[in-house]
């Protein structure tokens, strides 16, 4: 059923046809400000909790990794320093270098 165009829709008033609101004017602005402030405080609290959880997880992982690698670090301290890398062989010999001399000049 078509709606007649000459009637106003209930709940609308004024030239710009804004909806009626139970809160208007200064009260709406104050309510919006309080809502925004509460939202910011909640966001800040959430970020602090998230930072604390991540820091705790990082410290726990670091402690676990340190504990698991303690025997490896102990072995590395006790091992004498060796020249070269493990698995390399040392070959002894003599290096002979040949230098070519330009014999183009005669005296």
N, C-alpha and C. Protein backbone atom coordinates (compact mmCIF):
# COMPACT_ATOMS: atom_id res chain seq x y z
N UNK A 1 0.84 -1.17 0.00
CA UNK A 1 0.00 0.00 0.00
C UNK A 1 0.89 1.24 0.00
N UNK A 2 0.75 2.14 -0.93
CA UNK A 2 1.59 3.33 -1.02
C UNK A 2 1.32 4.30 0.12
N UNK A 3 2.40 4.99 0.55
CA UNK A 3 2.30 5.99 1.61
C UNK A 3 2.04 7.34 0.96
N UNK A 4 1.03 8.07 1.45
CA UNK A 4 0.77 9.39 0.85
C UNK A 4 1.93 10.34 1.14
N UNK A 5 2.25 11.17 0.17
CA UNK A 5 3.38 12.09 0.28
C UNK A 5 3.07 13.35 1.06
N UNK A 6 1.84 13.65 1.26
CA UNK A 6 1.50 14.89 1.93
C UNK A 6 1.54 14.77 3.45
N UNK A 7 1.62 13.59 3.97
CA UNK A 7 1.69 13.41 5.42
C UNK A 7 3.12 13.25 5.88
N UNK A 8 3.40 13.68 7.10
CA UNK A 8 4.72 13.45 7.69
C UNK A 8 4.75 12.07 8.32
N UNK A 9 5.89 11.45 8.27
CA UNK A 9 6.06 10.16 8.91
C UNK A 9 6.10 10.38 10.42
N UNK A 10 5.42 9.56 11.21
CA UNK A 10 5.46 9.76 12.67
C UNK A 10 6.89 9.68 13.19
N UNK A 11 7.21 10.52 14.15
CA UNK A 11 8.53 10.53 14.76
C UNK A 11 9.47 11.52 14.11
N UNK A 12 9.06 12.17 13.02
CA UNK A 12 9.90 13.15 12.35
C UNK A 12 9.28 14.54 12.55
N UNK A 13 10.11 15.54 12.66
CA UNK A 13 9.61 16.90 12.82
C UNK A 13 10.60 17.89 12.26
N UNK A 14 10.21 19.10 12.07
CA UNK A 14 11.09 20.18 11.64
C UNK A 14 11.41 20.10 10.17
N UNK A 15 12.12 21.13 9.67
CA UNK A 15 12.41 21.18 8.24
C UNK A 15 13.43 20.14 7.79
N UNK A 16 14.33 19.72 8.67
CA UNK A 16 15.33 18.74 8.25
C UNK A 16 14.93 17.31 8.61
N UNK A 17 13.76 17.12 9.16
CA UNK A 17 13.19 15.80 9.43
C UNK A 17 14.08 14.92 10.30
N UNK A 18 14.66 15.47 11.35
CA UNK A 18 15.47 14.67 12.27
C UNK A 18 14.57 13.85 13.17
N UNK A 19 15.10 12.71 13.62
CA UNK A 19 14.33 11.86 14.53
C UNK A 19 14.25 12.52 15.89
N UNK A 20 13.13 12.28 16.55
CA UNK A 20 13.01 12.74 17.93
C UNK A 20 13.92 11.91 18.80
N UNK A 21 14.60 12.54 19.72
CA UNK A 21 15.51 11.85 20.62
C UNK A 21 15.06 12.11 22.05
N UNK A 22 15.11 11.09 22.91
CA UNK A 22 14.74 11.34 24.29
C UNK A 22 15.71 12.30 24.98
N UNK A 23 16.95 12.36 24.50
CA UNK A 23 17.95 13.25 25.07
C UNK A 23 18.34 14.24 23.99
N UNK A 24 18.31 15.52 24.32
CA UNK A 24 18.65 16.49 23.28
C UNK A 24 19.46 17.63 23.89
N UNK A 25 20.15 18.36 23.02
CA UNK A 25 20.88 19.55 23.44
C UNK A 25 22.12 19.23 24.26
N UNK A 26 22.24 19.95 25.38
CA UNK A 26 23.41 19.82 26.25
C UNK A 26 23.53 18.41 26.83
N UNK A 27 22.42 17.81 27.18
CA UNK A 27 22.44 16.46 27.76
C UNK A 27 23.02 15.46 26.76
N UNK A 28 22.68 15.59 25.48
CA UNK A 28 23.22 14.68 24.46
C UNK A 28 24.73 14.87 24.32
N UNK A 29 25.17 16.12 24.34
CA UNK A 29 26.61 16.39 24.24
C UNK A 29 27.35 15.83 25.45
N UNK A 30 26.79 16.02 26.62
CA UNK A 30 27.43 15.51 27.84
C UNK A 30 27.46 13.99 27.83
N UNK A 31 26.37 13.38 27.39
CA UNK A 31 26.33 11.91 27.31
C UNK A 31 27.34 11.39 26.29
N UNK A 32 27.49 12.08 25.17
CA UNK A 32 28.49 11.69 24.17
C UNK A 32 29.90 11.82 24.70
N UNK A 33 30.17 12.90 25.43
CA UNK A 33 31.50 13.11 26.00
C UNK A 33 31.82 12.03 27.03
N UNK A 34 30.87 11.73 27.89
CA UNK A 34 31.09 10.70 28.91
C UNK A 34 31.30 9.34 28.25
N UNK A 35 30.51 9.06 27.22
CA UNK A 35 30.68 7.78 26.50
C UNK A 35 32.05 7.67 25.85
N UNK A 36 32.52 8.75 25.24
CA UNK A 36 33.84 8.75 24.62
C UNK A 36 34.94 8.60 25.67
N UNK A 37 34.80 9.27 26.81
CA UNK A 37 35.80 9.17 27.88
C UNK A 37 35.86 7.74 28.42
N UNK A 38 34.69 7.14 28.62
CA UNK A 38 34.66 5.75 29.11
C UNK A 38 35.30 4.82 28.08
N UNK A 39 35.03 5.05 26.81
CA UNK A 39 35.63 4.23 25.75
C UNK A 39 37.15 4.35 25.73
N UNK A 40 37.66 5.57 25.89
CA UNK A 40 39.11 5.77 25.91
C UNK A 40 39.75 5.10 27.13
N UNK A 41 39.11 5.21 28.28
CA UNK A 41 39.65 4.58 29.49
C UNK A 41 39.67 3.06 29.33
N UNK A 42 38.61 2.50 28.77
CA UNK A 42 38.57 1.04 28.54
C UNK A 42 39.64 0.60 27.55
N UNK A 43 39.84 1.38 26.49
CA UNK A 43 40.87 1.04 25.51
C UNK A 43 42.26 1.10 26.15
N UNK A 44 42.51 2.09 26.99
CA UNK A 44 43.80 2.20 27.67
C UNK A 44 44.02 1.03 28.62
N UNK A 45 42.97 0.66 29.35
CA UNK A 45 43.09 -0.48 30.27
C UNK A 45 43.35 -1.77 29.50
N UNK A 46 42.67 -1.95 28.36
CA UNK A 46 42.89 -3.15 27.55
C UNK A 46 44.32 -3.19 27.03
N UNK A 47 44.84 -2.05 26.60
CA UNK A 47 46.22 -2.04 26.09
C UNK A 47 47.22 -2.36 27.20
N UNK A 48 46.97 -1.89 28.42
CA UNK A 48 47.87 -2.21 29.53
C UNK A 48 47.83 -3.70 29.87
N UNK A 49 46.64 -4.27 29.86
CA UNK A 49 46.52 -5.71 30.13
C UNK A 49 47.21 -6.51 29.03
N UNK A 50 47.02 -6.11 27.78
CA UNK A 50 47.66 -6.81 26.68
C UNK A 50 49.19 -6.70 26.77
N UNK A 51 49.71 -5.53 27.12
CA UNK A 51 51.16 -5.36 27.27
C UNK A 51 51.69 -6.23 28.40
N UNK A 52 50.96 -6.32 29.52
CA UNK A 52 51.40 -7.15 30.64
C UNK A 52 51.41 -8.63 30.25
N UNK A 53 50.40 -9.07 29.51
CA UNK A 53 50.34 -10.47 29.08
C UNK A 53 51.50 -10.78 28.13
N UNK A 54 51.75 -9.90 27.16
CA UNK A 54 52.85 -10.13 26.22
C UNK A 54 54.22 -10.10 26.91
N UNK A 55 54.40 -9.20 27.86
CA UNK A 55 55.65 -9.15 28.60
C UNK A 55 55.86 -10.42 29.42
N UNK A 56 54.81 -10.88 30.07
CA UNK A 56 54.90 -12.12 30.85
C UNK A 56 55.21 -13.31 29.95
N UNK A 57 54.56 -13.38 28.80
CA UNK A 57 54.83 -14.48 27.86
C UNK A 57 56.27 -14.42 27.35
N UNK A 58 56.78 -13.22 27.08
CA UNK A 58 58.16 -13.08 26.61
C UNK A 58 59.17 -13.50 27.66
N UNK A 59 58.94 -13.12 28.90
CA UNK A 59 59.84 -13.51 29.99
C UNK A 59 59.78 -15.02 30.21
N UNK A 60 58.59 -15.60 30.15
CA UNK A 60 58.45 -17.05 30.33
C UNK A 60 59.17 -17.80 29.21
N UNK A 61 59.02 -17.35 27.96
CA UNK A 61 59.70 -18.01 26.85
C UNK A 61 61.22 -17.85 26.99
N UNK A 62 61.68 -16.68 27.37
CA UNK A 62 63.12 -16.46 27.55
C UNK A 62 63.69 -17.36 28.63
N UNK A 63 62.98 -17.51 29.74
CA UNK A 63 63.44 -18.40 30.81
C UNK A 63 63.46 -19.85 30.38
N UNK A 64 62.42 -20.25 29.64
CA UNK A 64 62.39 -21.63 29.14
C UNK A 64 63.55 -21.86 28.18
N UNK A 65 63.82 -20.96 27.26
CA UNK A 65 64.91 -21.11 26.29
C UNK A 65 66.26 -21.14 27.00
N UNK A 66 66.44 -20.27 27.99
CA UNK A 66 67.69 -20.25 28.75
C UNK A 66 67.90 -21.58 29.47
N UNK A 67 66.85 -22.14 30.06
CA UNK A 67 66.94 -23.40 30.78
C UNK A 67 67.26 -24.56 29.83
N UNK A 68 66.65 -24.57 28.66
CA UNK A 68 66.87 -25.66 27.71
C UNK A 68 68.27 -25.63 27.09
N UNK A 69 68.89 -24.48 27.03
CA UNK A 69 70.21 -24.38 26.39
C UNK A 69 71.35 -24.33 27.40
N UNK A 70 71.10 -24.60 28.67
CA UNK A 70 72.14 -24.46 29.69
C UNK A 70 73.26 -25.49 29.48
N UNK A 71 72.93 -26.74 29.08
CA UNK A 71 73.98 -27.76 28.89
C UNK A 71 74.85 -27.41 27.69
N UNK A 72 74.24 -26.87 26.65
CA UNK A 72 75.03 -26.47 25.48
C UNK A 72 75.99 -25.35 25.84
N UNK A 73 75.55 -24.37 26.58
CA UNK A 73 76.44 -23.28 26.99
C UNK A 73 77.56 -23.80 27.89
N UNK A 74 77.26 -24.76 28.75
CA UNK A 74 78.28 -25.33 29.64
C UNK A 74 79.33 -26.09 28.82
N UNK A 75 78.89 -26.85 27.81
CA UNK A 75 79.83 -27.58 26.95
C UNK A 75 80.72 -26.62 26.18
N UNK A 76 80.16 -25.54 25.70
CA UNK A 76 80.95 -24.57 24.95
C UNK A 76 82.00 -23.89 25.83
N UNK A 77 81.69 -23.66 27.11
CA UNK A 77 82.67 -23.06 28.02
C UNK A 77 83.80 -24.03 28.32
N UNK A 78 83.50 -25.32 28.44
CA UNK A 78 84.51 -26.30 28.80
C UNK A 78 85.37 -26.72 27.61
N UNK A 79 84.89 -26.53 26.41
CA UNK A 79 85.60 -26.95 25.21
C UNK A 79 86.77 -25.99 24.95
N UNK A 80 87.97 -26.55 24.71
CA UNK A 80 89.11 -25.66 24.40
C UNK A 80 88.91 -24.98 23.05
N UNK A 81 89.48 -23.81 22.94
CA UNK A 81 89.37 -23.08 21.68
C UNK A 81 90.23 -23.78 20.63
N UNK A 82 89.66 -24.02 19.49
CA UNK A 82 90.37 -24.69 18.41
C UNK A 82 90.44 -23.74 17.22
N UNK A 83 91.53 -23.87 16.49
CA UNK A 83 91.66 -23.08 15.27
C UNK A 83 90.80 -23.72 14.19
N UNK A 84 90.16 -22.89 13.44
CA UNK A 84 89.33 -23.42 12.36
C UNK A 84 87.98 -23.86 12.85
N UNK A 85 87.27 -24.46 11.92
CA UNK A 85 85.92 -24.93 12.23
C UNK A 85 85.93 -26.44 12.38
N UNK A 86 84.99 -26.99 13.10
CA UNK A 86 84.92 -28.45 13.24
C UNK A 86 84.73 -29.10 11.87
N UNK A 87 85.43 -30.17 11.65
CA UNK A 87 85.32 -30.89 10.38
C UNK A 87 86.35 -30.47 9.35
N UNK A 88 87.11 -29.42 9.61
CA UNK A 88 88.14 -28.99 8.67
C UNK A 88 89.43 -29.77 8.95
N UNK A 89 90.19 -30.00 7.88
CA UNK A 89 91.48 -30.67 8.05
C UNK A 89 92.59 -29.66 7.82
N UNK A 90 93.66 -29.87 8.52
CA UNK A 90 94.81 -28.98 8.35
C UNK A 90 95.80 -29.67 7.42
N UNK A 91 96.22 -28.96 6.41
CA UNK A 91 97.17 -29.50 5.44
C UNK A 91 98.43 -28.67 5.53
N UNK A 92 99.56 -29.36 5.76
CA UNK A 92 100.83 -28.65 5.84
C UNK A 92 101.52 -28.74 4.50
N UNK A 93 102.22 -27.69 4.14
CA UNK A 93 102.94 -27.70 2.87
C UNK A 93 103.71 -26.41 2.68
N UNK A 94 104.27 -26.27 1.50
CA UNK A 94 105.07 -25.11 1.16
C UNK A 94 104.42 -24.45 -0.04
N UNK A 95 104.37 -23.14 0.00
CA UNK A 95 103.82 -22.39 -1.12
C UNK A 95 104.98 -21.79 -1.88
N UNK A 96 105.01 -22.05 -3.16
CA UNK A 96 106.06 -21.50 -4.01
C UNK A 96 105.39 -20.51 -4.95
N UNK A 97 105.95 -19.32 -4.98
CA UNK A 97 105.38 -18.28 -5.82
C UNK A 97 106.36 -17.99 -6.95
N UNK A 98 105.86 -18.04 -8.16
CA UNK A 98 106.69 -17.73 -9.32
C UNK A 98 106.37 -16.31 -9.76
N UNK A 99 107.44 -15.52 -9.91
CA UNK A 99 107.29 -14.13 -10.33
C UNK A 99 107.91 -14.02 -11.71
N UNK A 100 107.15 -13.53 -12.65
CA UNK A 100 107.71 -13.37 -13.99
C UNK A 100 108.45 -12.04 -14.05
N UNK A 101 109.60 -12.06 -14.69
CA UNK A 101 110.43 -10.87 -14.81
C UNK A 101 110.44 -10.48 -16.28
N UNK A 102 110.20 -9.22 -16.54
CA UNK A 102 110.21 -8.73 -17.91
C UNK A 102 111.67 -8.60 -18.35
N UNK A 103 112.10 -9.37 -19.31
CA UNK A 103 113.48 -9.37 -19.77
C UNK A 103 113.64 -8.55 -21.06
N UNK A 104 112.70 -7.67 -21.29
CA UNK A 104 112.74 -6.86 -22.50
C UNK A 104 113.85 -5.83 -22.48
N UNK A 105 114.29 -5.39 -21.37
CA UNK A 105 115.35 -4.38 -21.27
C UNK A 105 116.70 -5.08 -21.22
N UNK A 106 117.61 -4.61 -22.05
CA UNK A 106 118.96 -5.20 -22.05
C UNK A 106 119.93 -4.10 -21.71
N UNK A 107 120.97 -4.46 -21.03
CA UNK A 107 121.98 -3.48 -20.63
C UNK A 107 123.18 -3.58 -21.48
